[in-house]
Amino acid sequence: MKPCTGRLAIFNGPGKPLEIVTREAVAPGAGEALLRLAYSGICGTDVHIHEGCLAMPDMPLVIGHEFSGTVAALGTEPAADGLGTPLACGDSVIACVAVPCGECFNCRRG
């Protein structure tokens, strides 16, 4: 994968302004896909996190979970969407956060 960068809005804590930074993207791992973001939404959950109404892990972090884009790169093993359909570079995708992973901060909290 050739190096690419993206702009991030970093959350540093409740009530603090978001910090816009440019970072190099991390290459996708086995069974993972790197997405090129096209559109992102801000929902009530994001607002509640920013206001400090929902506990989050240690700062800083990138909040937000409503987005769509295209597959920019694939890891070393095949990646599939939530229905098991194999992904290919250039595919249009949306994030589906309603499917629990069992491993992230919020899943571990129940």
PDB file of N, CA and C in Angstrom:
ATOM      1  N   MET A   1       0.846  -1.176   0.000  1.00  0.00           N
ATOM      2  CA  MET A   1       0.000   0.000   0.000  1.00  0.00           C
ATOM      3  C   MET A   1       0.888   1.234   0.000  1.00  0.00           C
ATOM      4  N   LYS A   2       0.629   2.135  -0.937  1.00  0.00           N
ATOM      5  CA  LYS A   2       1.407   3.369  -0.937  1.00  0.00           C
ATOM      6  C   LYS A   2       0.900   4.265   0.186  1.00  0.00           C
ATOM      7  N   PRO A   3       1.783   5.035   0.810  1.00  0.00           N
ATOM      8  CA  PRO A   3       1.377   5.880   1.941  1.00  0.00           C
ATOM      9  C   PRO A   3       0.274   6.860   1.548  1.00  0.00           C
ATOM     10  N   CYS A   4      -0.682   7.034   2.442  1.00  0.00           N
ATOM     11  CA  CYS A   4      -1.722   8.037   2.245  1.00  0.00           C
ATOM     12  C   CYS A   4      -2.011   8.690   3.595  1.00  0.00           C
ATOM     13  N   THR A   5      -2.563   9.878   3.518  1.00  0.00           N
ATOM     14  CA  THR A   5      -2.860  10.604   4.748  1.00  0.00           C
ATOM     15  C   THR A   5      -4.339  10.945   4.797  1.00  0.00           C
ATOM     16  N   GLY A   6      -4.779  11.290   5.987  1.00  0.00           N
ATOM     17  CA  GLY A   6      -6.155  11.720   6.184  1.00  0.00           C
ATOM     18  C   GLY A   6      -6.224  12.764   7.280  1.00  0.00           C
ATOM     19  N   ARG A   7      -7.293  13.525   7.258  1.00  0.00           N
ATOM     20  CA  ARG A   7      -7.515  14.539   8.292  1.00  0.00           C
ATOM     21  C   ARG A   7      -8.456  13.963   9.336  1.00  0.00           C
ATOM     22  N   LEU A   8      -8.122  14.189  10.593  1.00  0.00           N
ATOM     23  CA  LEU A   8      -8.894  13.673  11.718  1.00  0.00           C
ATOM     24  C   LEU A   8      -9.344  14.811  12.617  1.00  0.00           C
ATOM     25  N   ALA A   9     -10.517  14.640  13.208  1.00  0.00           N
ATOM     26  CA  ALA A   9     -10.986  15.558  14.244  1.00  0.00           C
ATOM     27  C   ALA A   9     -10.781  14.839  15.577  1.00  0.00           C
ATOM     28  N   ILE A  10      -9.794  15.289  16.340  1.00  0.00           N
ATOM     29  CA  ILE A  10      -9.406  14.643  17.591  1.00  0.00           C
ATOM     30  C   ILE A  10     -10.223  15.209  18.751  1.00  0.00           C
ATOM     31  N   PHE A  11     -10.842  14.310  19.514  1.00  0.00           N
ATOM     32  CA  PHE A  11     -11.595  14.672  20.718  1.00  0.00           C
ATOM     33  C   PHE A  11     -10.652  14.576  21.910  1.00  0.00           C
ATOM     34  N   ASN A  12     -10.469  15.684  22.605  1.00  0.00           N
ATOM     35  CA  ASN A  12      -9.551  15.729  23.751  1.00  0.00           C
ATOM     36  C   ASN A  12     -10.264  15.853  25.089  1.00  0.00           C
ATOM     37  N   GLY A  13     -11.572  15.735  25.093  1.00  0.00           N
ATOM     38  CA  GLY A  13     -12.310  15.796  26.340  1.00  0.00           C
ATOM     39  C   GLY A  13     -13.567  16.639  26.217  1.00  0.00           C
ATOM     40  N   PRO A  14     -14.499  16.428  27.138  1.00  0.00           N
ATOM     41  CA  PRO A  14     -15.780  17.129  27.102  1.00  0.00           C
ATOM     42  C   PRO A  14     -15.628  18.649  27.053  1.00  0.00           C
ATOM     43  N   GLY A  15     -16.378  19.273  26.153  1.00  0.00           N
ATOM     44  CA  GLY A  15     -16.402  20.726  26.057  1.00  0.00           C
ATOM     45  C   GLY A  15     -15.208  21.362  25.389  1.00  0.00           C
ATOM     46  N   LYS A  16     -14.175  20.582  25.084  1.00  0.00           N
ATOM     47  CA  LYS A  16     -12.981  21.143  24.435  1.00  0.00           C
ATOM     48  C   LYS A  16     -13.179  21.138  22.924  1.00  0.00           C
ATOM     49  N   PRO A  17     -12.595  22.114  22.227  1.00  0.00           N
ATOM     50  CA  PRO A  17     -12.738  22.129  20.767  1.00  0.00           C
ATOM     51  C   PRO A  17     -12.040  20.927  20.140  1.00  0.00           C
ATOM     52  N   LEU A  18     -12.593  20.439  19.034  1.00  0.00           N
ATOM     53  CA  LEU A  18     -11.947  19.356  18.308  1.00  0.00           C
ATOM     54  C   LEU A  18     -10.667  19.889  17.675  1.00  0.00           C
ATOM     55  N   GLU A  19      -9.642  19.067  17.639  1.00  0.00           N
ATOM     56  CA  GLU A  19      -8.347  19.432  17.057  1.00  0.00           C
ATOM     57  C   GLU A  19      -8.225  18.750  15.695  1.00  0.00           C
ATOM     58  N   ILE A  20      -8.081  19.502  14.633  1.00  0.00           N
ATOM     59  CA  ILE A  20      -7.965  18.938  13.294  1.00  0.00           C
ATOM     60  C   ILE A  20      -6.488  18.691  12.993  1.00  0.00           C
ATOM     61  N   VAL A  21      -6.153  17.430  12.695  1.00  0.00           N
ATOM     62  CA  VAL A  21      -4.766  17.052  12.417  1.00  0.00           C
ATOM     63  C   VAL A  21      -4.720  16.200  11.154  1.00  0.00           C
ATOM     64  N   THR A  22      -3.557  16.125  10.540  1.00  0.00           N
ATOM     65  CA  THR A  22      -3.318  15.241   9.403  1.00  0.00           C
ATOM     66  C   THR A  22      -2.397  14.128   9.870  1.00  0.00           C
ATOM     67  N   ARG A  23      -2.793  12.900   9.588  1.00  0.00           N
ATOM     68  CA  ARG A  23      -2.000  11.731  10.000  1.00  0.00           C
ATOM     69  C   ARG A  23      -1.871  10.758   8.835  1.00  0.00           C
ATOM     70  N   GLU A  24      -0.819   9.954   8.872  1.00  0.00           N
ATOM     71  CA  GLU A  24      -0.662   8.901   7.876  1.00  0.00           C
ATOM     72  C   GLU A  24      -1.577   7.737   8.240  1.00  0.00           C
ATOM     73  N   ALA A  25      -2.233   7.181   7.241  1.00  0.00           N
ATOM     74  CA  ALA A  25      -3.126   6.045   7.463  1.00  0.00           C
ATOM     75  C   ALA A  25      -2.313   4.795   7.773  1.00  0.00           C
ATOM     76  N   VAL A  26      -2.867   3.946   8.620  1.00  0.00           N
ATOM     77  CA  VAL A  26      -2.237   2.675   8.973  1.00  0.00           C
ATOM     78  C   VAL A  26      -2.681   1.628   7.955  1.00  0.00           C
ATOM     79  N   ALA A  27      -1.755   0.820   7.479  1.00  0.00           N
ATOM     80  CA  ALA A  27      -2.092  -0.228   6.516  1.00  0.00           C
ATOM     81  C   ALA A  27      -3.074  -1.212   7.160  1.00  0.00           C
ATOM     82  N   PRO A  28      -4.062  -1.677   6.407  1.00  0.00           N
ATOM     83  CA  PRO A  28      -5.029  -2.622   6.973  1.00  0.00           C
ATOM     84  C   PRO A  28      -4.372  -3.963   7.273  1.00  0.00           C
ATOM     85  N   GLY A  29      -4.819  -4.583   8.354  1.00  0.00           N
ATOM     86  CA  GLY A  29      -4.320  -5.896   8.733  1.00  0.00           C
ATOM     87  C   GLY A  29      -5.079  -7.001   8.020  1.00  0.00           C
ATOM     88  N   ALA A  30      -4.785  -8.225   8.375  1.00  0.00           N
ATOM     89  CA  ALA A  30      -5.433  -9.384   7.767  1.00  0.00           C
ATOM     90  C   ALA A  30      -6.946  -9.310   7.949  1.00  0.00           C
ATOM     91  N   GLY A  31      -7.697  -9.440   6.866  1.00  0.00           N
ATOM     92  CA  GLY A  31      -9.142  -9.400   6.918  1.00  0.00           C
ATOM     93  C   GLY A  31      -9.729  -8.017   7.118  1.00  0.00           C
ATOM     94  N   GLU A  32      -8.904  -6.973   7.035  1.00  0.00           N
ATOM     95  CA  GLU A  32      -9.358  -5.594   7.239  1.00  0.00           C
ATOM     96  C   GLU A  32      -9.315  -4.818   5.922  1.00  0.00           C
ATOM     97  N   ALA A  33     -10.045  -3.695   5.913  1.00  0.00           N
ATOM     98  CA  ALA A  33     -10.048  -2.801   4.759  1.00  0.00           C
ATOM     99  C   ALA A  33      -9.787  -1.380   5.238  1.00  0.00           C
ATOM    100  N   LEU A  34      -9.040  -0.630   4.465  1.00  0.00           N
ATOM    101  CA  LEU A  34      -8.846   0.796   4.702  1.00  0.00           C
ATOM    102  C   LEU A  34      -9.891   1.525   3.874  1.00  0.00           C
ATOM    103  N   LEU A  35     -10.663   2.398   4.515  1.00  0.00           N
ATOM    104  CA  LEU A  35     -11.723   3.118   3.823  1.00  0.00           C
ATOM    105  C   LEU A  35     -11.324   4.559   3.568  1.00  0.00           C
ATOM    106  N   ARG A  36     -11.673   5.051   2.391  1.00  0.00           N
ATOM    107  CA  ARG A  36     -11.505   6.464   2.060  1.00  0.00           C
ATOM    108  C   ARG A  36     -12.852   7.115   2.336  1.00  0.00           C
ATOM    109  N   LEU A  37     -12.900   7.937   3.368  1.00  0.00           N
ATOM    110  CA  LEU A  37     -14.137   8.564   3.813  1.00  0.00           C
ATOM    111  C   LEU A  37     -14.656   9.545   2.768  1.00  0.00           C
ATOM    112  N   ALA A  38     -15.948   9.453   2.476  1.00  0.00           N
ATOM    113  CA  ALA A  38     -16.582  10.399   1.553  1.00  0.00           C
ATOM    114  C   ALA A  38     -17.519  11.332   2.311  1.00  0.00           C
ATOM    115  N   TYR A  39     -18.346  10.769   3.178  1.00  0.00           N
ATOM    116  CA  TYR A  39     -19.321  11.547   3.936  1.00  0.00           C
ATOM    117  C   TYR A  39     -19.365  11.058   5.367  1.00  0.00           C
ATOM    118  N   SER A  40     -19.615  11.982   6.287  1.00  0.00           N
ATOM    119  CA  SER A  40     -19.711  11.634   7.701  1.00  0.00           C
ATOM    120  C   SER A  40     -20.846  12.425   8.330  1.00  0.00           C
ATOM    121  N   GLY A  41     -21.560  11.774   9.232  1.00  0.00           N
ATOM    122  CA  GLY A  41     -22.630  12.451   9.946  1.00  0.00           C
ATOM    123  C   GLY A  41     -22.237  12.714  11.392  1.00  0.00           C
ATOM    124  N   ILE A  42     -22.934  13.628  12.009  1.00  0.00           N
ATOM    125  CA  ILE A  42     -22.783  13.883  13.438  1.00  0.00           C
ATOM    126  C   ILE A  42     -24.138  13.559  14.053  1.00  0.00           C
ATOM    127  N   CYS A  43     -24.170  12.629  14.978  1.00  0.00           N
ATOM    128  CA  CYS A  43     -25.444  12.220  15.558  1.00  0.00           C
ATOM    129  C   CYS A  43     -25.499  12.631  17.035  1.00  0.00           C
ATOM    130  N   GLY A  44     -26.607  12.309  17.663  1.00  0.00           N
ATOM    131  CA  GLY A  44     -26.790  12.645  19.070  1.00  0.00           C
ATOM    132  C   GLY A  44     -25.741  12.019  19.966  1.00  0.00           C
ATOM    133  N   THR A  45     -25.298  10.805  19.641  1.00  0.00           N
ATOM    134  CA  THR A  45     -24.260  10.158  20.444  1.00  0.00           C
ATOM    135  C   THR A  45     -22.989  10.994  20.449  1.00  0.00           C
ATOM    136  N   ASP A  46     -22.595  11.501  19.287  1.00  0.00           N
ATOM    137  CA  ASP A  46     -21.394  12.337  19.200  1.00  0.00           C
ATOM    138  C   ASP A  46     -21.540  13.586  20.066  1.00  0.00           C
ATOM    139  N   VAL A  47     -22.722  14.201  20.012  1.00  0.00           N
ATOM    140  CA  VAL A  47     -22.973  15.399  20.817  1.00  0.00           C
ATOM    141  C   VAL A  47     -22.889  15.056  22.302  1.00  0.00           C
ATOM    142  N   HIS A  48     -23.484  13.922  22.702  1.00  0.00           N
ATOM    143  CA  HIS A  48     -23.449  13.519  24.113  1.00  0.00           C
ATOM    144  C   HIS A  48     -22.029  13.230  24.585  1.00  0.00           C
ATOM    145  N   ILE A  49     -21.219  12.611  23.733  1.00  0.00           N
ATOM    146  CA  ILE A  49     -19.822  12.361  24.084  1.00  0.00           C
ATOM    147  C   ILE A  49     -19.103  13.694  24.277  1.00  0.00           C
ATOM    148  N   HIS A  50     -19.293  14.622  23.334  1.00  0.00           N
ATOM    149  CA  HIS A  50     -18.618  15.916  23.414  1.00  0.00           C
ATOM    150  C   HIS A  50     -19.038  16.688  24.662  1.00  0.00           C
ATOM    151  N   GLU A  51     -20.289  16.533  25.085  1.00  0.00           N
ATOM    152  CA  GLU A  51     -20.782  17.216  26.279  1.00  0.00           C
ATOM    153  C   GLU A  51     -20.398  16.498  27.575  1.00  0.00           C
ATOM    154  N   GLY A  52     -19.812  15.299  27.472  1.00  0.00           N
ATOM    155  CA  GLY A  52     -19.398  14.557  28.660  1.00  0.00           C
ATOM    156  C   GLY A  52     -20.483  13.689  29.265  1.00  0.00           C
ATOM    157  N   CYS A  53     -21.572  13.455  28.539  1.00  0.00           N
ATOM    158  CA  CYS A  53     -22.689  12.654  29.051  1.00  0.00           C
ATOM    159  C   CYS A  53     -22.475  11.150  28.879  1.00  0.00           C
ATOM    160  N   LEU A  54     -21.544  10.748  28.042  1.00  0.00           N
ATOM    161  CA  LEU A  54     -21.217   9.337  27.828  1.00  0.00           C
ATOM    162  C   LEU A  54     -19.738   9.127  28.126  1.00  0.00           C
ATOM    163  N   ALA A  55     -19.427   8.176  28.973  1.00  0.00           N
ATOM    164  CA  ALA A  55     -18.036   7.904  29.329  1.00  0.00           C
ATOM    165  C   ALA A  55     -17.292   7.306  28.135  1.00  0.00           C
ATOM    166  N   MET A  56     -16.100   7.781  27.898  1.00  0.00           N
ATOM    167  CA  MET A  56     -15.242   7.279  26.831  1.00  0.00           C
ATOM    168  C   MET A  56     -13.899   6.884  27.441  1.00  0.00           C
ATOM    169  N   PRO A  57     -13.140   6.052  26.725  1.00  0.00           N
ATOM    170  CA  PRO A  57     -11.812   5.686  27.242  1.00  0.00           C
ATOM    171  C   PRO A  57     -10.897   6.906  27.252  1.00  0.00           C
ATOM    172  N   ASP A  58      -9.673   6.685  27.640  1.00  0.00           N
ATOM    173  CA  ASP A  58      -8.693   7.773  27.722  1.00  0.00           C
ATOM    174  C   ASP A  58      -8.635   8.582  26.439  1.00  0.00           C
ATOM    175  N   MET A  59      -8.432   9.867  26.613  1.00  0.00           N
ATOM    176  CA  MET A  59      -8.288  10.784  25.484  1.00  0.00           C
ATOM    177  C   MET A  59      -6.830  10.757  25.029  1.00  0.00           C
ATOM    178  N   PRO A  60      -6.530  11.196  23.843  1.00  0.00           N
ATOM    179  CA  PRO A  60      -7.434  11.652  22.797  1.00  0.00           C
ATOM    180  C   PRO A  60      -8.004  10.471  22.017  1.00  0.00           C
ATOM    181  N   LEU A  61      -9.115  10.713  21.312  1.00  0.00           N
ATOM    182  CA  LEU A  61      -9.694   9.705  20.443  1.00  0.00           C
ATOM    183  C   LEU A  61     -10.494  10.374  19.343  1.00  0.00           C
ATOM    184  N   VAL A  62     -10.819   9.612  18.334  1.00  0.00           N
ATOM    185  CA  VAL A  62     -11.648  10.089  17.234  1.00  0.00           C
ATOM    186  C   VAL A  62     -13.042   9.512  17.455  1.00  0.00           C
ATOM    187  N   ILE A  63     -14.031  10.391  17.621  1.00  0.00           N
ATOM    188  CA  ILE A  63     -15.399   9.919  17.786  1.00  0.00           C
ATOM    189  C   ILE A  63     -16.100   9.964  16.432  1.00  0.00           C
ATOM    190  N   GLY A  64     -17.281   9.416  16.371  1.00  0.00           N
ATOM    191  CA  GLY A  64     -18.035   9.403  15.121  1.00  0.00           C
ATOM    192  C   GLY A  64     -18.198   7.988  14.615  1.00  0.00           C
ATOM    193  N   HIS A  65     -19.389   7.681  14.143  1.00  0.00           N
ATOM    194  CA  HIS A  65     -19.652   6.318  13.693  1.00  0.00           C
ATOM    195  C   HIS A  65     -20.660   6.256  12.549  1.00  0.00           C
ATOM    196  N   GLU A  66     -20.945   7.382  11.938  1.00  0.00           N
ATOM    197  CA  GLU A  66     -21.833   7.405  10.773  1.00  0.00           C
ATOM    198  C   GLU A  66     -21.034   7.918   9.591  1.00  0.00           C
ATOM    199  N   PHE A  67     -20.630   7.002   8.705  1.00  0.00           N
ATOM    200  CA  PHE A  67     -19.826   7.442   7.571  1.00  0.00           C
ATOM    201  C   PHE A  67     -19.944   6.475   6.403  1.00  0.00           C
ATOM    202  N   SER A  68     -19.593   6.986   5.229  1.00  0.00           N
ATOM    203  CA  SER A  68     -19.565   6.164   4.028  1.00  0.00           C
ATOM    204  C   SER A  68     -18.337   6.543   3.219  1.00  0.00           C
ATOM    205  N   GLY A  69     -17.969   5.670   2.312  1.00  0.00           N
ATOM    206  CA  GLY A  69     -16.804   5.931   1.480  1.00  0.00           C
ATOM    207  C   GLY A  69     -16.553   4.787   0.526  1.00  0.00           C
ATOM    208  N   THR A  70     -15.292   4.594   0.190  1.00  0.00           N
ATOM    209  CA  THR A  70     -14.894   3.507  -0.701  1.00  0.00           C
ATOM    210  C   THR A  70     -13.728   2.745  -0.088  1.00  0.00           C
ATOM    211  N   VAL A  71     -13.568   1.497  -0.497  1.00  0.00           N
ATOM    212  CA  VAL A  71     -12.439   0.689  -0.048  1.00  0.00           C
ATOM    213  C   VAL A  71     -11.194   1.179  -0.782  1.00  0.00           C
ATOM    214  N   ALA A  72     -10.219   1.657  -0.020  1.00  0.00           N
ATOM    215  CA  ALA A  72      -8.978   2.192  -0.592  1.00  0.00           C
ATOM    216  C   ALA A  72      -7.878   1.142  -0.663  1.00  0.00           C
ATOM    217  N   ALA A  73      -7.865   0.201   0.295  1.00  0.00           N
ATOM    218  CA  ALA A  73      -6.832  -0.836   0.328  1.00  0.00           C
ATOM    219  C   ALA A  73      -7.345  -2.005   1.154  1.00  0.00           C
ATOM    220  N   LEU A  74      -6.807  -3.176   0.878  1.00  0.00           N
ATOM    221  CA  LEU A  74      -7.175  -4.390   1.615  1.00  0.00           C
ATOM    222  C   LEU A  74      -5.951  -4.985   2.278  1.00  0.00           C
ATOM    223  N   GLY A  75      -6.180  -5.690   3.389  1.00  0.00           N
ATOM    224  CA  GLY A  75      -5.097  -6.356   4.101  1.00  0.00           C
ATOM    225  C   GLY A  75      -4.647  -7.615   3.387  1.00  0.00           C
ATOM    226  N   THR A  76      -3.844  -8.404   4.085  1.00  0.00           N
ATOM    227  CA  THR A  76      -3.218  -9.581   3.488  1.00  0.00           C
ATOM    228  C   THR A  76      -4.163 -10.761   3.310  1.00  0.00           C
ATOM    229  N   GLU A  77      -5.273 -10.780   4.030  1.00  0.00           N
ATOM    230  CA  GLU A  77      -6.270 -11.845   3.876  1.00  0.00           C
ATOM    231  C   GLU A  77      -7.565 -11.216   3.383  1.00  0.00           C
ATOM    232  N   PRO A  78      -8.422 -11.988   2.740  1.00  0.00           N
ATOM    233  CA  PRO A  78      -9.666 -11.417   2.220  1.00  0.00           C
ATOM    234  C   PRO A  78     -10.503 -10.741   3.303  1.00  0.00           C
ATOM    235  N   ALA A  79     -11.110  -9.614   2.930  1.00  0.00           N
ATOM    236  CA  ALA A  79     -12.025  -8.904   3.815  1.00  0.00           C
ATOM    237  C   ALA A  79     -13.428  -9.040   3.237  1.00  0.00           C
ATOM    238  N   ALA A  80     -14.418  -9.055   4.129  1.00  0.00           N
ATOM    239  CA  ALA A  80     -15.808  -9.200   3.696  1.00  0.00           C
ATOM    240  C   ALA A  80     -16.668  -8.186   4.427  1.00  0.00           C
ATOM    241  N   ASP A  81     -17.814  -7.872   3.829  1.00  0.00           N
ATOM    242  CA  ASP A  81     -18.749  -6.969   4.496  1.00  0.00           C
ATOM    243  C   ASP A  81     -19.533  -7.730   5.556  1.00  0.00           C
ATOM    244  N   GLY A  82     -20.485  -7.049   6.205  1.00  0.00           N
ATOM    245  CA  GLY A  82     -21.249  -7.652   7.289  1.00  0.00           C
ATOM    246  C   GLY A  82     -22.108  -8.830   6.878  1.00  0.00           C
ATOM    247  N   LEU A  83     -22.358  -8.987   5.581  1.00  0.00           N
ATOM    248  CA  LEU A  83     -23.146 -10.119   5.076  1.00  0.00           C
ATOM    249  C   LEU A  83     -22.259 -11.227   4.518  1.00  0.00           C
ATOM    250  N   GLY A  84     -20.934 -11.028   4.609  1.00  0.00           N
ATOM    251  CA  GLY A  84     -20.001 -12.038   4.133  1.00  0.00           C
ATOM    252  C   GLY A  84     -19.577 -11.885   2.688  1.00  0.00           C
ATOM    253  N   THR A  85     -20.026 -10.834   2.008  1.00  0.00           N
ATOM    254  CA  THR A  85     -19.645 -10.603   0.621  1.00  0.00           C
ATOM    255  C   THR A  85     -18.219 -10.065   0.570  1.00  0.00           C
ATOM    256  N   PRO A  86     -17.345 -10.687  -0.231  1.00  0.00           N
ATOM    257  CA  PRO A  86     -15.960 -10.213  -0.310  1.00  0.00           C
ATOM    258  C   PRO A  86     -15.894  -8.759  -0.773  1.00  0.00           C
ATOM    259  N   LEU A  87     -14.945  -8.010  -0.219  1.00  0.00           N
ATOM    260  CA  LEU A  87     -14.726  -6.612  -0.590  1.00  0.00           C
ATOM    261  C   LEU A  87     -13.600  -6.514  -1.605  1.00  0.00           C
ATOM    262  N   ALA A  88     -13.681  -5.477  -2.450  1.00  0.00           N
ATOM    263  CA  ALA A  88     -12.625  -5.193  -3.425  1.00  0.00           C
ATOM    264  C   ALA A  88     -12.325  -3.701  -3.379  1.00  0.00           C
ATOM    265  N   CYS A  89     -11.112  -3.332  -3.746  1.00  0.00           N
ATOM    266  CA  CYS A  89     -10.756  -1.916  -3.805  1.00  0.00           C
ATOM    267  C   CYS A  89     -11.718  -1.196  -4.747  1.00  0.00           C
ATOM    268  N   GLY A  90     -12.173  -0.022  -4.302  1.00  0.00           N
ATOM    269  CA  GLY A  90     -13.107   0.767  -5.086  1.00  0.00           C
ATOM    270  C   GLY A  90     -14.567   0.531  -4.719  1.00  0.00           C
ATOM    271  N   ASP A  91     -14.876  -0.522  -3.965  1.00  0.00           N
ATOM    272  CA  ASP A  91     -16.258  -0.769  -3.554  1.00  0.00           C
ATOM    273  C   ASP A  91     -16.776   0.382  -2.703  1.00  0.00           C
ATOM    274  N   SER A  92     -18.033   0.750  -2.907  1.00  0.00           N
ATOM    275  CA  SER A  92     -18.696   1.730  -2.049  1.00  0.00           C
ATOM    276  C   SER A  92     -19.147   1.023  -0.779  1.00  0.00           C
ATOM    277  N   VAL A  93     -18.956   1.679   0.365  1.00  0.00           N
ATOM    278  CA  VAL A  93     -19.282   1.062   1.652  1.00  0.00           C
ATOM    279  C   VAL A  93     -19.895   2.091   2.602  1.00  0.00           C
ATOM    280  N   ILE A  94     -20.647   1.589   3.574  1.00  0.00           N
ATOM    281  CA  ILE A  94     -21.097   2.393   4.704  1.00  0.00           C
ATOM    282  C   ILE A  94     -20.693   1.660   5.970  1.00  0.00           C
ATOM    283  N   ALA A  95     -20.485   2.405   7.040  1.00  0.00           N
ATOM    284  CA  ALA A  95     -20.160   1.788   8.326  1.00  0.00           C
ATOM    285  C   ALA A  95     -21.454   1.328   8.972  1.00  0.00           C
ATOM    286  N   CYS A  96     -21.440   0.149   9.537  1.00  0.00           N
ATOM    287  CA  CYS A  96     -22.597  -0.370  10.266  1.00  0.00           C
ATOM    288  C   CYS A  96     -22.148  -0.617  11.695  1.00  0.00           C
ATOM    289  N   VAL A  97     -22.457   0.319  12.562  1.00  0.00           N
ATOM    290  CA  VAL A  97     -22.004   0.200  13.947  1.00  0.00           C
ATOM    291  C   VAL A  97     -23.008  -0.527  14.822  1.00  0.00           C
ATOM    292  N   ALA A  98     -24.106  -0.985  14.238  1.00  0.00           N
ATOM    293  CA  ALA A  98     -25.108  -1.709  15.011  1.00  0.00           C
ATOM    294  C   ALA A  98     -24.722  -3.172  15.204  1.00  0.00           C
ATOM    295  N   VAL A  99     -23.630  -3.607  14.593  1.00  0.00           N
ATOM    296  CA  VAL A  99     -23.155  -4.977  14.743  1.00  0.00           C
ATOM    297  C   VAL A  99     -22.013  -4.965  15.754  1.00  0.00           C
ATOM    298  N   PRO A 100     -22.232  -5.499  16.956  1.00  0.00           N
ATOM    299  CA  PRO A 100     -21.182  -5.435  17.982  1.00  0.00           C
ATOM    300  C   PRO A 100     -19.979  -6.307  17.625  1.00  0.00           C
ATOM    301  N   CYS A 101     -18.783  -5.777  17.914  1.00  0.00           N
ATOM    302  CA  CYS A 101     -17.560  -6.533  17.642  1.00  0.00           C
ATOM    303  C   CYS A 101     -17.151  -7.389  18.839  1.00  0.00           C
ATOM    304  N   GLY A 102     -17.596  -6.984  20.038  1.00  0.00           N
ATOM    305  CA  GLY A 102     -17.230  -7.720  21.241  1.00  0.00           C
ATOM    306  C   GLY A 102     -15.877  -7.354  21.811  1.00  0.00           C
ATOM    307  N   GLU A 103     -15.128  -6.497  21.133  1.00  0.00           N
ATOM    308  CA  GLU A 103     -13.762  -6.198  21.540  1.00  0.00           C
ATOM    309  C   GLU A 103     -13.504  -4.734  21.882  1.00  0.00           C
ATOM    310  N   CYS A 104     -14.282  -3.797  21.304  1.00  0.00           N
ATOM    311  CA  CYS A 104     -13.997  -2.383  21.507  1.00  0.00           C
ATOM    312  C   CYS A 104     -14.427  -1.947  22.916  1.00  0.00           C
ATOM    313  N   PHE A 105     -14.098  -0.712  23.248  1.00  0.00           N
ATOM    314  CA  PHE A 105     -14.410  -0.152  24.575  1.00  0.00           C
ATOM    315  C   PHE A 105     -15.882  -0.307  24.927  1.00  0.00           C
ATOM    316  N   ASN A 106     -16.759   0.129  24.018  1.00  0.00           N
ATOM    317  CA  ASN A 106     -18.184   0.084  24.346  1.00  0.00           C
ATOM    318  C   ASN A 106     -18.720  -1.337  24.410  1.00  0.00           C
ATOM    319  N   CYS A 107     -18.256  -2.229  23.557  1.00  0.00           N
ATOM    320  CA  CYS A 107     -18.682  -3.634  23.647  1.00  0.00           C
ATOM    321  C   CYS A 107     -18.238  -4.255  24.974  1.00  0.00           C
ATOM    322  N   ARG A 108     -17.010  -3.967  25.386  1.00  0.00           N
ATOM    323  CA  ARG A 108     -16.507  -4.532  26.639  1.00  0.00           C
ATOM    324  C   ARG A 108     -17.286  -4.004  27.838  1.00  0.00           C
ATOM    325  N   ARG A 109     -17.881  -2.804  27.706  1.00  0.00           N
ATOM    326  CA  ARG A 109     -18.702  -2.224  28.786  1.00  0.00           C
ATOM    327  C   ARG A 109     -20.118  -2.778  28.769  1.00  0.00           C
ATOM    328  N   GLY A 110     -20.473  -3.518  27.711  1.00  0.00           N
ATOM    329  CA  GLY A 110     -21.827  -4.079  27.626  1.00  0.00           C
ATOM    330  C   GLY A 110     -22.804  -3.169  26.970  1.00  0.00           C
TER     331      GLY A 110
END
